[in-house]
Protein backbone atom coordinates (compact mmCIF):
# COMPACT_ATOMS: atom_id res chain seq x y z
CA MET A 1 0.02 -0.03 0.03
CA LEU A 2 1.28 3.43 -0.90
CA ASP A 3 0.32 5.12 2.39
CA ARG A 4 2.79 7.91 2.04
CA PRO A 5 4.49 9.59 -0.94
CA THR A 6 7.67 7.84 -2.11
CA THR A 7 9.96 7.73 -5.12
CA LEU A 8 9.78 5.54 -8.17
CA TYR A 9 13.00 3.73 -7.43
CA ARG A 10 11.99 2.86 -3.90
CA THR A 11 8.64 1.55 -5.22
CA LEU A 12 10.56 -0.60 -7.79
CA GLU A 13 12.87 -1.98 -5.05
CA HIS A 14 9.85 -2.86 -2.92
CA THR A 15 8.00 -4.50 -5.75
CA ALA A 16 11.05 -6.52 -6.81
CA ARG A 17 11.50 -7.70 -3.17
CA GLU A 18 7.86 -8.80 -3.04
CA TYR A 19 7.43 -10.29 -6.47
CA GLY A 20 10.95 -10.58 -7.96
CA SER A 21 10.50 -13.86 -9.82
CA ARG A 22 7.01 -13.01 -11.21
CA GLU A 23 6.51 -11.72 -14.69
CA ALA A 24 6.45 -7.94 -14.78
CA PHE A 25 6.45 -6.91 -18.46
CA VAL A 26 5.60 -8.51 -21.79
CA CYS A 27 5.86 -6.79 -25.23
CA GLN A 28 6.58 -8.87 -28.29
CA ALA A 29 10.01 -10.47 -27.68
CA ASP A 30 10.46 -8.65 -24.39
CA ARG A 31 9.49 -10.79 -21.36
CA LEU A 32 10.91 -9.59 -18.01
CA THR A 33 10.50 -10.51 -14.33
CA TRP A 34 10.54 -7.74 -11.67
CA ASP A 35 14.12 -8.82 -10.79
CA GLU A 36 15.09 -8.32 -14.44
CA VAL A 37 13.34 -4.98 -14.60
CA LEU A 38 15.25 -3.78 -11.53
CA ALA A 39 18.61 -5.09 -12.89
CA GLY A 40 17.97 -3.40 -16.30
CA THR A 41 16.98 -0.15 -14.59
CA ARG A 42 20.26 -0.12 -12.56
CA ARG A 43 22.30 -0.92 -15.75
CA ILE A 44 20.72 1.96 -17.69
CA ALA A 45 20.98 4.34 -14.65
CA ALA A 46 24.70 3.65 -14.54
CA ALA A 47 25.09 4.35 -18.30
CA LEU A 48 23.11 7.64 -17.88
CA HIS A 49 25.33 8.60 -14.94
CA ALA A 50 28.44 7.86 -16.95
CA SER A 51 27.03 10.00 -19.76
CA GLY A 52 26.84 12.95 -17.42
CA VAL A 53 23.10 12.91 -16.54
CA ARG A 54 22.49 14.38 -13.10
CA LYS A 55 19.51 15.16 -10.87
CA GLY A 56 17.15 17.63 -12.63
CA ASP A 57 18.56 16.97 -16.15
CA HIS A 58 16.01 16.33 -18.89
CA VAL A 59 16.18 13.07 -20.83
CA GLY A 60 14.07 12.51 -23.96
CA ILE A 61 12.79 9.06 -24.87
CA MET A 62 11.72 8.68 -28.49
CA LEU A 63 10.85 4.95 -28.68
CA GLY A 64 7.80 2.82 -29.09
CA ASN A 65 6.40 0.88 -26.13
CA GLY A 66 8.83 -1.74 -24.97
CA ALA A 67 11.27 -2.75 -22.27
CA THR A 68 13.86 -0.11 -23.27
CA TRP A 69 11.31 2.67 -22.90
CA LEU A 70 10.13 1.31 -19.50
CA GLN A 71 13.56 0.76 -17.99
CA THR A 72 14.99 4.11 -19.34
CA PHE A 73 12.09 5.88 -17.61
CA PHE A 74 12.78 4.00 -14.33
CA ALA A 75 16.46 4.71 -14.74
CA CYS A 76 15.95 8.43 -15.14
CA ALA A 77 13.82 8.42 -12.00
CA THR A 78 16.50 6.59 -10.09
CA LEU A 79 18.93 9.49 -10.76
CA GLY A 80 16.39 12.19 -10.28
CA ALA A 81 16.44 13.07 -13.95
CA VAL A 82 13.24 14.20 -15.63
CA THR A 83 11.82 11.90 -18.42
CA VAL A 84 10.53 13.81 -21.43
CA PRO A 85 8.40 11.37 -23.38
CA VAL A 86 8.59 12.23 -27.18
CA ASN A 87 5.45 11.57 -29.21
CA THR A 88 6.53 9.16 -31.96
CA ARG A 89 4.12 10.79 -34.38
CA PHE A 90 5.65 14.22 -34.10
CA LYS A 91 6.77 15.86 -37.39
CA THR A 92 9.83 18.17 -37.57
CA ASP A 93 8.19 21.38 -36.25
CA GLU A 94 6.67 19.60 -33.23
CA LEU A 95 9.86 17.67 -32.51
CA GLN A 96 11.98 20.77 -32.78
CA PHE A 97 9.65 22.65 -30.37
CA CYS A 98 9.44 19.80 -27.82
CA LEU A 99 13.21 19.03 -27.64
CA LYS A 100 14.14 22.76 -27.46
CA GLN A 101 11.37 23.87 -25.09
CA ALA A 102 12.13 20.98 -22.68
CA ASP A 103 15.88 21.55 -22.69
CA VAL A 104 16.51 17.88 -23.42
CA LYS A 105 20.19 17.11 -22.54
CA LEU A 106 20.27 13.46 -23.62
CA LEU A 107 17.98 11.71 -26.14
CA VAL A 108 17.36 7.95 -26.44
CA PHE A 109 15.84 7.34 -29.83
CA ALA A 110 14.94 4.53 -32.17
CA ASP A 111 16.61 4.36 -35.61
CA ALA A 112 13.09 3.88 -37.11
CA PHE A 113 9.61 3.27 -35.90
CA LEU A 114 6.36 2.44 -37.73
CA GLY A 115 8.06 3.16 -41.02
CA ILE A 116 9.42 6.55 -39.93
CA ASP A 117 13.18 7.19 -40.26
CA PHE A 118 13.92 8.89 -36.89
CA VAL A 119 17.51 9.55 -37.85
CA GLN A 120 16.37 11.55 -40.92
CA LEU A 121 13.68 13.31 -38.85
CA LEU A 122 16.18 14.25 -36.06
CA THR A 123 18.97 15.38 -38.38
CA ALA A 124 16.41 17.61 -40.13
CA VAL A 125 15.80 19.21 -36.71
CA GLU A 126 19.44 19.29 -35.58
CA PRO A 127 21.93 18.92 -38.42
CA ALA A 128 24.79 18.64 -35.87
CA LEU A 129 23.59 15.02 -35.21
CA ASN A 130 25.52 14.20 -38.45
CA THR A 131 28.78 15.59 -37.20
CA GLY A 132 28.82 16.10 -33.48
CA LEU A 133 26.62 17.56 -30.65
CA PRO A 134 25.85 20.16 -29.38
CA GLY A 135 24.56 22.07 -32.40
CA GLN A 136 22.94 25.45 -32.93
CA ALA A 137 19.30 24.32 -33.25
CA LEU A 138 19.26 22.40 -29.98
CA PRO A 139 22.15 23.83 -27.92
CA GLU A 140 21.16 21.92 -24.70
CA LEU A 141 21.29 18.49 -26.43
CA ARG A 142 24.64 17.02 -25.57
CA ARG A 143 24.22 13.31 -26.26
CA ALA A 144 22.07 11.15 -28.44
CA VAL A 145 21.77 7.35 -28.08
CA MET A 146 20.39 5.29 -30.93
CA VAL A 147 18.52 2.05 -30.31
CA GLY A 148 18.52 -0.21 -33.34
CA ASP A 149 20.74 -1.77 -36.03
CA GLY A 150 20.45 1.04 -38.69
CA PRO A 151 23.34 3.36 -39.70
CA CYS A 152 24.26 5.47 -36.68
CA PRO A 153 25.00 9.20 -37.33
CA GLU A 154 28.42 10.64 -36.31
CA GLY A 155 26.87 12.75 -33.53
CA ALA A 156 25.10 9.84 -31.80
CA GLU A 157 26.23 6.58 -30.21
CA ARG A 158 24.86 3.13 -30.35
CA TYR A 159 22.88 1.78 -27.38
CA ALA A 160 25.32 -1.05 -26.74
CA ASP A 161 28.25 1.45 -26.44
CA PHE A 162 26.15 3.63 -24.15
CA LEU A 163 25.45 0.66 -21.86
CA ALA A 164 29.15 -0.38 -21.89
CA ARG A 165 30.15 2.98 -20.48
CA GLY A 166 27.98 2.37 -17.48
CA GLN A 167 30.06 -0.62 -16.40
CA GLU A 168 32.65 1.81 -15.04
CA VAL A 169 30.12 3.15 -12.52
CA ALA A 170 30.03 1.38 -9.07
CA PRO A 171 26.64 0.23 -7.88
CA ASP A 172 27.10 2.22 -4.67
CA THR A 173 27.23 5.38 -6.69
CA ILE A 174 23.76 4.79 -8.15
CA GLU A 175 22.38 3.83 -4.70
CA ALA A 176 23.82 6.99 -3.19
CA VAL A 177 22.30 9.20 -5.90
CA ALA A 178 18.93 7.39 -5.52
CA ALA A 179 18.98 8.06 -1.78
CA GLY A 180 19.00 11.81 -2.48
CA ILE A 181 15.75 11.85 -4.53
CA THR A 182 12.57 12.94 -2.87
CA PRO A 183 8.88 12.39 -3.70
CA ASP A 184 8.58 16.10 -4.58
CA ASP A 185 11.24 16.00 -7.20
CA LEU A 186 10.11 16.10 -10.82
CA LEU A 187 9.64 12.73 -12.51
CA LEU A 188 8.17 13.55 -15.96
CA MET A 189 7.54 16.40 -18.31
CA GLN A 190 4.38 15.49 -20.29
CA PHE A 191 3.73 17.43 -23.43
CA THR A 192 0.03 18.09 -23.84
CA SER A 193 -1.69 17.34 -27.16
CA GLY A 194 -2.07 21.04 -28.16
CA THR A 195 -4.85 20.98 -30.63
CA THR A 196 -4.72 24.70 -31.45
CA SER A 197 -1.22 25.68 -30.48
CA PHE A 198 2.15 24.17 -29.73
CA PRO A 199 2.03 21.80 -26.74
CA LYS A 200 2.96 22.68 -23.12
CA GLY A 201 5.31 20.73 -20.88
CA VAL A 202 3.36 19.62 -17.83
CA MET A 203 5.74 19.12 -14.86
CA LEU A 204 4.75 16.12 -12.70
CA THR A 205 6.47 14.78 -9.53
CA HIS A 206 7.11 11.32 -8.19
CA ALA A 207 4.41 11.87 -5.62
CA ASN A 208 1.94 13.20 -8.22
CA MET A 209 2.23 10.18 -10.42
CA LEU A 210 2.79 7.34 -8.02
CA THR A 211 -0.03 8.40 -5.71
CA ASN A 212 -2.30 8.74 -8.72
CA ALA A 213 -1.41 5.22 -9.86
CA TRP A 214 -2.02 3.84 -6.45
CA ALA A 215 -5.34 5.57 -6.03
CA ALA A 216 -6.62 4.58 -9.49
CA GLY A 217 -5.35 0.96 -8.86
CA GLN A 218 -7.49 0.90 -5.64
CA ARG A 219 -10.68 1.81 -7.59
CA ILE A 220 -9.98 -0.77 -10.36
CA GLY A 221 -9.08 -3.41 -7.79
CA VAL A 222 -5.63 -4.30 -9.31
CA ARG A 223 -3.98 -7.39 -7.77
CA HIS A 224 -0.39 -8.56 -7.96
CA ASP A 225 -1.54 -11.62 -9.93
CA ASP A 226 -3.37 -9.59 -12.56
CA ARG A 227 -2.25 -9.56 -16.19
CA TYR A 228 -3.01 -6.03 -17.38
CA PHE A 229 -3.08 -5.35 -21.06
CA SER A 230 -2.76 -1.64 -22.01
CA ILE A 231 -2.22 -0.35 -25.53
CA ARG A 232 -1.84 3.25 -24.24
CA PRO A 233 1.39 4.69 -25.66
CA PHE A 234 4.04 5.35 -23.04
CA PHE A 235 4.54 8.90 -24.44
CA HIS A 236 1.15 9.65 -22.89
CA VAL A 237 0.49 10.02 -19.22
CA SER A 238 -2.30 7.36 -19.36
CA GLY A 239 0.52 5.04 -20.48
CA THR A 240 3.04 6.08 -17.81
CA THR A 241 0.77 6.63 -14.80
CA LEU A 242 -2.26 4.46 -15.60
CA SER A 243 -0.35 1.65 -17.22
CA VAL A 244 3.33 1.45 -16.21
CA LEU A 245 2.96 2.83 -12.70
CA VAL A 246 -0.34 1.07 -11.83
CA SER A 247 1.47 -2.17 -12.61
CA LEU A 248 4.59 -1.16 -10.66
CA VAL A 249 2.68 -0.09 -7.57
CA ALA A 250 0.51 -3.26 -7.62
CA GLY A 251 3.32 -5.69 -8.70
CA CYS A 252 1.16 -7.12 -11.57
CA CYS A 253 2.30 -7.91 -15.12
CA LEU A 254 1.87 -5.26 -17.77
CA LEU A 255 1.46 -6.32 -21.34
CA THR A 256 1.51 -3.95 -24.31
CA LEU A 257 2.42 -3.54 -28.00
CA PRO A 258 4.45 -0.93 -29.87
CA LYS A 259 1.32 0.12 -31.83
CA PHE A 260 -2.39 -0.55 -31.74
CA ASP A 261 -2.98 -3.46 -34.08
CA VAL A 262 -6.46 -4.69 -33.36
CA ALA A 263 -5.98 -8.32 -34.41
CA GLU A 264 -2.70 -8.63 -32.47
CA THR A 265 -4.24 -6.89 -29.40
CA LEU A 266 -7.09 -9.55 -29.39
CA ARG A 267 -4.60 -12.37 -29.89
CA VAL A 268 -2.33 -11.25 -27.01
CA MET A 269 -5.33 -10.74 -24.68
CA ASP A 270 -6.49 -14.25 -25.39
CA GLU A 271 -3.20 -16.15 -25.40
CA GLU A 272 -1.72 -14.31 -22.37
CA LYS A 273 -4.93 -14.67 -20.34
CA CYS A 274 -5.22 -10.96 -19.65
CA THR A 275 -7.48 -10.04 -16.73
CA LEU A 276 -7.56 -6.29 -17.00
CA THR A 277 -7.45 -3.76 -19.87
CA SER A 278 -7.90 -0.04 -20.53
CA GLY A 279 -8.82 2.25 -23.38
CA ASN A 280 -11.07 5.01 -24.71
CA ASP A 281 -14.25 4.77 -26.81
CA THR A 282 -12.27 4.30 -30.01
CA ILE A 283 -10.12 1.49 -28.77
CA PHE A 284 -13.03 -0.55 -27.39
CA LEU A 285 -15.20 0.03 -30.51
CA MET A 286 -12.34 -1.01 -32.80
CA MET A 287 -11.88 -4.27 -30.79
CA MET A 288 -15.58 -5.07 -30.81
CA GLY A 289 -15.90 -4.28 -34.50
CA HIS A 290 -12.98 -6.43 -35.66
CA PRO A 291 -13.66 -9.79 -37.47
CA ASP A 292 -11.43 -11.66 -34.99
CA PHE A 293 -13.42 -10.43 -31.98
CA ASP A 294 -14.80 -13.33 -29.89
CA PRO A 295 -15.94 -12.64 -26.39
CA LYS A 296 -15.35 -16.32 -25.53
CA LYS A 297 -11.62 -15.67 -26.02
CA LEU A 298 -11.52 -12.90 -23.42
CA HIS A 299 -10.51 -13.51 -19.86
CA LEU A 300 -11.09 -9.96 -18.60
CA ARG A 301 -12.73 -9.22 -15.24
CA GLY A 302 -12.29 -5.45 -15.35
CA GLY A 303 -10.09 -2.41 -16.03
CA TRP A 304 -10.88 1.21 -16.90
CA ALA A 305 -12.34 3.13 -19.76
CA ALA A 306 -12.63 6.78 -20.78
CA ALA A 307 -15.96 6.10 -22.59
CA GLY A 308 -19.58 7.27 -22.84
CA PRO A 309 -22.66 5.31 -21.64
CA GLU A 310 -23.33 3.53 -24.89
CA VAL A 311 -19.80 2.17 -25.19
CA MET A 312 -19.76 1.21 -21.54
CA GLN A 313 -22.97 -0.74 -22.14
CA GLN A 314 -21.35 -2.55 -25.05
CA ILE A 315 -18.21 -3.37 -23.01
CA ARG A 316 -20.49 -5.06 -20.52
CA ASP A 317 -22.96 -6.68 -22.95
CA VAL A 318 -20.86 -7.41 -26.06
CA MET A 319 -17.44 -7.99 -24.52
CA GLY A 320 -18.93 -9.54 -21.34
CA VAL A 321 -16.68 -7.49 -19.00
CA ASP A 322 -18.65 -6.58 -15.88
CA HIS A 323 -16.37 -4.48 -13.71
CA VAL A 324 -14.87 -1.75 -15.92
CA CYS A 325 -14.42 1.57 -14.19
CA ASN A 326 -15.12 4.91 -15.94
CA ALA A 327 -12.19 7.34 -15.77
CA TYR A 328 -11.83 11.02 -16.38
CA GLY A 329 -8.65 13.04 -16.23
CA GLN A 330 -6.01 15.13 -17.99
CA SER A 331 -2.20 15.37 -18.09
CA GLU A 332 -2.24 18.39 -15.71
CA ALA A 333 -3.70 16.15 -13.02
CA SER A 334 -1.24 13.29 -13.34
CA PRO A 335 -3.79 12.35 -15.04
CA ASN A 336 -6.72 10.72 -13.14
CA VAL A 337 -9.16 13.22 -11.57
CA ILE A 338 -12.10 10.86 -10.84
CA MET A 339 -12.71 7.21 -11.32
CA SER A 340 -15.71 5.07 -10.51
CA SER A 341 -15.10 2.01 -8.40
CA ARG A 342 -15.34 -1.58 -9.79
CA ASP A 343 -18.11 -2.31 -7.33
CA ASP A 344 -20.23 0.84 -8.08
CA PRO A 345 -23.64 0.12 -9.52
CA PHE A 346 -23.34 -0.27 -13.32
CA GLU A 347 -25.57 2.74 -14.05
CA LEU A 348 -23.11 5.07 -12.18
CA ARG A 349 -20.10 3.57 -13.97
CA ALA A 350 -21.79 3.61 -17.37
CA HIS A 351 -22.67 7.37 -17.12
CA GLY A 352 -19.25 8.38 -15.82
CA TRP A 353 -20.22 9.23 -12.25
CA GLY A 354 -17.04 8.90 -10.21
CA LEU A 355 -15.72 10.22 -6.87
CA PRO A 356 -12.58 12.28 -6.44
CA HIS A 357 -9.62 10.47 -4.87
CA PRO A 358 -9.05 10.86 -1.13
CA GLY A 359 -7.24 14.15 -0.35
CA THR A 360 -8.39 15.85 -3.61
CA GLU A 361 -11.25 18.29 -4.30
CA VAL A 362 -13.43 19.02 -7.32
CA ARG A 363 -15.87 21.80 -7.95
CA ILE A 364 -17.99 23.06 -10.83
CA VAL A 365 -17.66 26.75 -11.82
CA ASP A 366 -19.76 28.89 -14.03
CA GLN A 367 -17.44 29.83 -17.01
CA ASP A 368 -18.81 33.34 -17.22
CA SER A 369 -19.30 34.49 -13.70
CA GLY A 370 -16.68 32.37 -11.92
CA GLU A 371 -19.34 31.35 -9.28
CA VAL A 372 -19.15 27.85 -7.80
CA LEU A 373 -22.31 26.05 -8.97
CA PRO A 374 -24.64 23.93 -6.75
CA PRO A 375 -25.19 20.26 -7.60
CA GLY A 376 -26.87 19.79 -10.98
CA GLY A 377 -25.41 22.85 -12.66
CA GLN A 378 -23.14 22.41 -15.62
CA GLY A 379 -19.84 24.36 -15.68
CA GLU A 380 -16.06 24.04 -15.88
CA ILE A 381 -14.57 21.22 -13.76
CA GLN A 382 -11.82 22.52 -11.43
CA VAL A 383 -9.67 20.30 -9.27
CA ARG A 384 -7.21 20.79 -6.43
CA GLY A 385 -5.01 18.36 -4.52
CA TRP A 386 -1.87 16.18 -4.57
CA HIS A 387 -2.36 15.19 -8.21
CA VAL A 388 -2.20 18.74 -9.69
CA MET A 389 0.91 19.58 -11.69
CA ARG A 390 3.74 21.82 -10.61
CA GLY A 391 3.03 23.94 -13.67
CA TYR A 392 4.09 24.21 -17.34
CA TYR A 393 7.88 24.27 -17.95
CA LYS A 394 9.09 27.75 -18.83
CA MET A 395 5.54 28.94 -19.46
CA PRO A 396 4.62 31.19 -16.41
CA GLU A 397 1.72 32.92 -18.19
CA ALA A 398 0.15 29.66 -19.32
CA THR A 399 0.68 28.30 -15.75
CA ALA A 400 -1.04 31.31 -14.24
CA LYS A 401 -3.96 30.86 -16.61
CA ALA A 402 -4.35 27.18 -15.78
CA LEU A 403 -3.97 27.44 -11.99
CA THR A 404 -5.97 29.88 -9.76
CA PRO A 405 -4.04 31.60 -6.87
CA GLU A 406 -5.74 29.09 -4.49
CA GLY A 407 -4.32 26.14 -6.42
CA TRP A 408 -7.40 25.10 -8.48
CA LEU A 409 -6.68 23.59 -11.82
CA ARG A 410 -8.92 24.98 -14.48
CA THR A 411 -9.45 21.87 -16.63
CA GLY A 412 -11.35 23.49 -19.58
CA ASP A 413 -13.78 20.58 -19.38
CA LEU A 414 -17.54 20.72 -18.87
CA GLY A 415 -18.98 18.73 -15.98
CA GLU A 416 -21.71 18.42 -13.40
CA MET A 417 -21.88 17.22 -9.87
CA SER A 418 -24.49 15.12 -8.08
CA PRO A 419 -25.85 15.88 -4.62
CA ASP A 420 -23.70 13.11 -3.11
CA GLY A 421 -20.49 14.56 -4.44
CA ARG A 422 -19.98 12.43 -7.54
CA LEU A 423 -18.73 14.17 -10.67
CA ARG A 424 -19.09 13.41 -14.40
CA MET A 425 -17.44 15.01 -17.39
CA VAL A 426 -19.96 16.10 -19.99
CA GLY A 427 -17.54 17.30 -22.73
CA ARG A 428 -14.49 19.32 -23.55
CA LEU A 429 -15.25 23.07 -23.37
CA LYS A 430 -12.95 23.59 -26.38
CA ASP A 431 -14.91 21.02 -28.37
CA MET A 432 -18.25 22.58 -27.58
CA TYR A 433 -20.00 24.48 -30.42
CA ARG A 434 -23.06 26.73 -30.45
CA VAL A 435 -26.00 26.09 -32.83
CA GLY A 436 -28.20 29.15 -32.90
CA GLY A 437 -27.09 30.07 -29.45
CA GLU A 438 -27.57 26.56 -27.96
CA ASN A 439 -24.42 24.73 -26.59
CA VAL A 440 -23.80 21.30 -28.08
CA ALA A 441 -21.33 18.80 -26.60
CA PRO A 442 -20.08 16.52 -29.48
CA ALA A 443 -20.07 13.54 -27.07
CA GLU A 444 -23.89 13.71 -26.70
CA VAL A 445 -24.49 13.32 -30.46
CA GLU A 446 -21.69 10.67 -30.73
CA GLU A 447 -23.53 8.66 -28.03
CA THR A 448 -26.78 8.87 -29.98
CA LEU A 449 -25.08 7.55 -33.07
CA HIS A 450 -23.19 4.84 -31.18
CA ALA A 451 -26.58 3.39 -30.14
CA HIS A 452 -27.43 2.65 -33.79
CA PRO A 453 -26.82 -1.09 -34.38
CA ALA A 454 -24.80 -0.48 -37.60
CA VAL A 455 -22.46 2.12 -36.14
CA GLN A 456 -19.03 1.11 -34.95
CA MET A 457 -17.76 4.65 -34.28
CA ALA A 458 -18.94 8.26 -34.68
CA GLN A 459 -17.08 11.59 -34.48
CA VAL A 460 -18.88 14.88 -34.33
CA ILE A 461 -17.79 18.50 -34.72
CA GLY A 462 -19.41 21.86 -35.24
CA VAL A 463 -18.93 23.42 -38.67
CA PRO A 464 -19.67 26.99 -39.83
CA ASP A 465 -23.15 27.99 -40.89
CA ALA A 466 -24.25 31.45 -42.20
CA ARG A 467 -27.56 31.49 -40.37
CA LEU A 468 -26.96 29.56 -37.10
CA GLY A 469 -23.19 30.24 -36.60
CA GLU A 470 -22.45 26.53 -36.43
CA VAL A 471 -24.22 23.23 -37.15
CA THR A 472 -23.46 19.59 -36.48
CA ALA A 473 -21.35 17.48 -38.83
CA ALA A 474 -20.80 13.82 -38.20
CA PHE A 475 -18.38 11.21 -39.56
CA VAL A 476 -19.48 7.56 -39.10
CA LEU A 477 -17.61 4.29 -39.41
CA LEU A 478 -19.96 1.28 -39.85
CA LYS A 479 -19.49 -2.18 -38.34
CA GLU A 480 -18.14 -4.91 -40.57
CA GLY A 481 -20.93 -6.32 -42.72
CA LYS A 482 -23.51 -3.72 -41.60
CA GLN A 483 -25.16 -1.16 -43.72
CA ALA A 484 -26.94 2.20 -43.00
CA GLY A 485 -27.57 5.16 -45.24
CA ARG A 486 -26.86 8.81 -44.45
CA GLN A 487 -30.61 9.75 -44.18
CA GLU A 488 -31.31 6.67 -42.00
CA LEU A 489 -28.63 7.87 -39.50
CA ILE A 490 -29.87 11.47 -39.54
CA ASP A 491 -33.51 10.24 -38.95
CA TRP A 492 -32.20 8.08 -36.05
CA CYS A 493 -30.76 11.24 -34.43
CA LYS A 494 -33.94 13.28 -35.20
CA ALA A 495 -35.96 10.77 -33.19
CA ARG A 496 -33.60 10.85 -30.24
CA CYS A 497 -32.13 14.34 -29.75
CA ALA A 498 -33.12 17.98 -30.04
CA ASN A 499 -33.31 19.40 -33.55
CA PHE A 500 -30.38 21.77 -33.08
CA LYS A 501 -28.17 18.71 -32.31
CA VAL A 502 -29.09 16.67 -35.35
CA PRO A 503 -26.30 16.45 -37.99
CA ARG A 504 -26.75 18.77 -40.90
CA TYR A 505 -23.84 17.03 -42.61
CA LEU A 506 -23.09 13.30 -42.24
CA GLU A 507 -20.40 11.33 -44.08
CA ILE A 508 -19.81 7.63 -43.86
CA VAL A 509 -16.03 6.84 -43.84
CA ASP A 510 -13.89 3.67 -44.13
CA THR A 511 -11.30 4.93 -41.62
CA PHE A 512 -10.27 7.89 -39.54
CA ASP A 513 -6.52 7.29 -39.94
CA ASN A 514 -6.14 9.58 -42.94
CA ILE A 515 -8.09 12.44 -41.14
CA GLY A 516 -5.85 12.51 -38.10
CA MET A 517 -5.68 9.95 -35.27
CA THR A 518 -3.44 10.68 -32.27
CA GLY A 519 -1.10 8.03 -30.81
CA SER A 520 -3.59 7.37 -28.08
CA SER A 521 -6.27 6.47 -30.66
CA LYS A 522 -8.28 9.68 -30.39
CA VAL A 523 -9.47 11.50 -33.52
CA GLN A 524 -8.07 15.03 -33.62
CA LYS A 525 -11.16 17.28 -33.69
CA ASN A 526 -9.26 20.26 -35.21
CA LYS A 527 -8.11 18.14 -38.16
CA LEU A 528 -11.56 16.61 -38.53
CA LYS A 529 -13.04 20.11 -38.60
CA ALA A 530 -10.63 21.25 -41.28
CA HIS A 531 -11.41 18.17 -43.29
CA ALA A 532 -15.19 18.74 -42.99
CA ILE A 533 -14.94 22.45 -44.05
CA GLU A 534 -13.08 21.29 -47.19
CA LEU A 535 -15.34 18.26 -47.89
CA PHE A 536 -18.60 20.14 -47.47
CA GLY A 537 -17.40 23.26 -49.22
CA LEU A 538 -17.77 25.59 -46.25
CA GLY A 539 -14.55 27.57 -46.70
CA ASN A 540 -16.41 30.76 -47.75
CA VAL A 541 -18.96 30.64 -44.96
CA HIS A 542 -18.42 33.60 -42.58
CA GLY A 543 -16.07 32.61 -39.75
CA ALA A 544 -14.94 29.33 -41.28
CA LYS A 545 -11.60 28.10 -39.95
CA GLY A 546 -10.00 24.73 -39.50
CA GLY A 547 -8.45 25.07 -36.03
C-alpha cells in the first residue's frame, strides 16, 4: 500500500523484493520479471550517470512501447532526472519545439519506428547530429543514443556502447544518488496534445504520479496476480501513470504492443490470459468491430475506460466484462481526476459518475461568472490536490492561466456534480459548439449515433453555418458487414435528440486514420473540422476556420 508519498526507485525496489521472480512486463520479444526490470534499470541508470546525466537533467525518450522505454524511464527516476516522453508521431516542427522547449540534454531514440526514419527526422531538426553535438538548433542536447541496427549518425552513439560505458560506475554510486531523490522531485515532463497551439510541458512529480497510480489501482481493484493489457502509448500520461505505474505499484504484469494493431491486441489478450485492460471509446469500439473479436476468447474481469454510456454498455454486454471503471482526467492532474469504483452500480459507472480520490477536491464553476455552482449545474470542472501539476515548464503565463491563486486547476472541461459529491465530465469546453445560441457537446451526439446497431464509431464536430453560426457535422464508421444510409442515421438522431443537435452534414467513412488519429487512438477534432470544411465546401462561410 502506498500510504505515504515515495519515489519511483523505492517503489521498484519494494515490488522486486515482493514479486521478484514473477513476470512484470511483456511486449513482443520482451518478457521480463521484476528482478530483471530492476537489474536493467540499474544498468541503464549507470550508463546515464556515466554520460553526465544528473539530478534535474531532462532526458528525452523517443521509442515505441517496450522494455527499453520502461527501464529508461525508471533509470531516469533513479537518478532524479526528468523523463521527457517524445510523441513518436511528431513531425519536424513539433519535434523541434518539444526538444528545445524541454531543454533535453540526452535523447534515447529508435533508428526507425512504424516506417518513420527517426535519424532523418532528427537530423532535419538538428543537423549537428550528423557531425557532433551540441549544435545550434538544440544547444542543450549534448548526447544522443540510438537504439536499433540502422546506420548511426556521427553525432550519436549506439545503445550497446552507451550501456558499456555504465560498467565503469560502481553500484554504490547509483544507490547513493537514488537516496537523495525525494517524492517532490520532478519525475516527468508530459507534453499536452495542443490541438490549437504548440504543446505545453506539464511538470509532474514522483508523488503526483505514483499516488495517482495507487489511487486509480484501488478503484480498479488491481492485484499482484493480474495480467494487465494496455495499448496506451508510453509517451502519454495514461501510458506512464495508468499503465506502467499502476502495474509497478501493484506488482502485476503489464502487457503492451508498440502500436495498436487490433488483431494482435485480441490475440495477446487471449493467449496471455489478460485479466484487466484499458482504453477509450475508439479502442473498445475497434476491438468489438474487428472480425477476430470473440468474447469467448476474453479472460477480462475489469479495467478502466474513458468512454460514454453507450460504449460502457457494449463493454458489458458485447465484451462480457462486468467491472470496468469509468475514468476522467487530463495530463495536468497526473492524469486521473475521478474514477468510478469496480463495485459501483453499473448505471453510475456507465454514465461516468465517479468520486474524487481521497485528499483531492473537485468543484463546478460557471465559465462566465466564476461562481461555484450547486449540484446539478453544468460548468467548468476545477480540481485541487496532490495530483495537480507543478506547472508548465518555462511558461509562467500559461501556468497562471491554468492554476488559480488558490491552487485550483482549470481543466477546460464541462462537467456536473450530483448531490452526493459524484462528478461526471460532459464534454471538452474547447470542443463545444453553439448552434443558434444553444451549446452542443459532441459527445452527446456521438452517443446517440453509437446506439445505432450498424455504427461502430462516430465523431462529431461543429462546422460554420451562415444563419446559425455553427451546425453539427458527423463522420461515421460502420460495423463490418452492416449497412446504413446517411438519411437513416440522420433520422435516427432526429428521433432521439433535439433538432439543433441533429447532424446537418453526415459522411460515412472507411477509416479515420487519414483524417488525423493521435497516438492514443483519439480522433483530432481540429483536423476533422478542417477536413469537414473542405469536404462540405464551407470555406467561404463567414467565420470558417479549420483550427
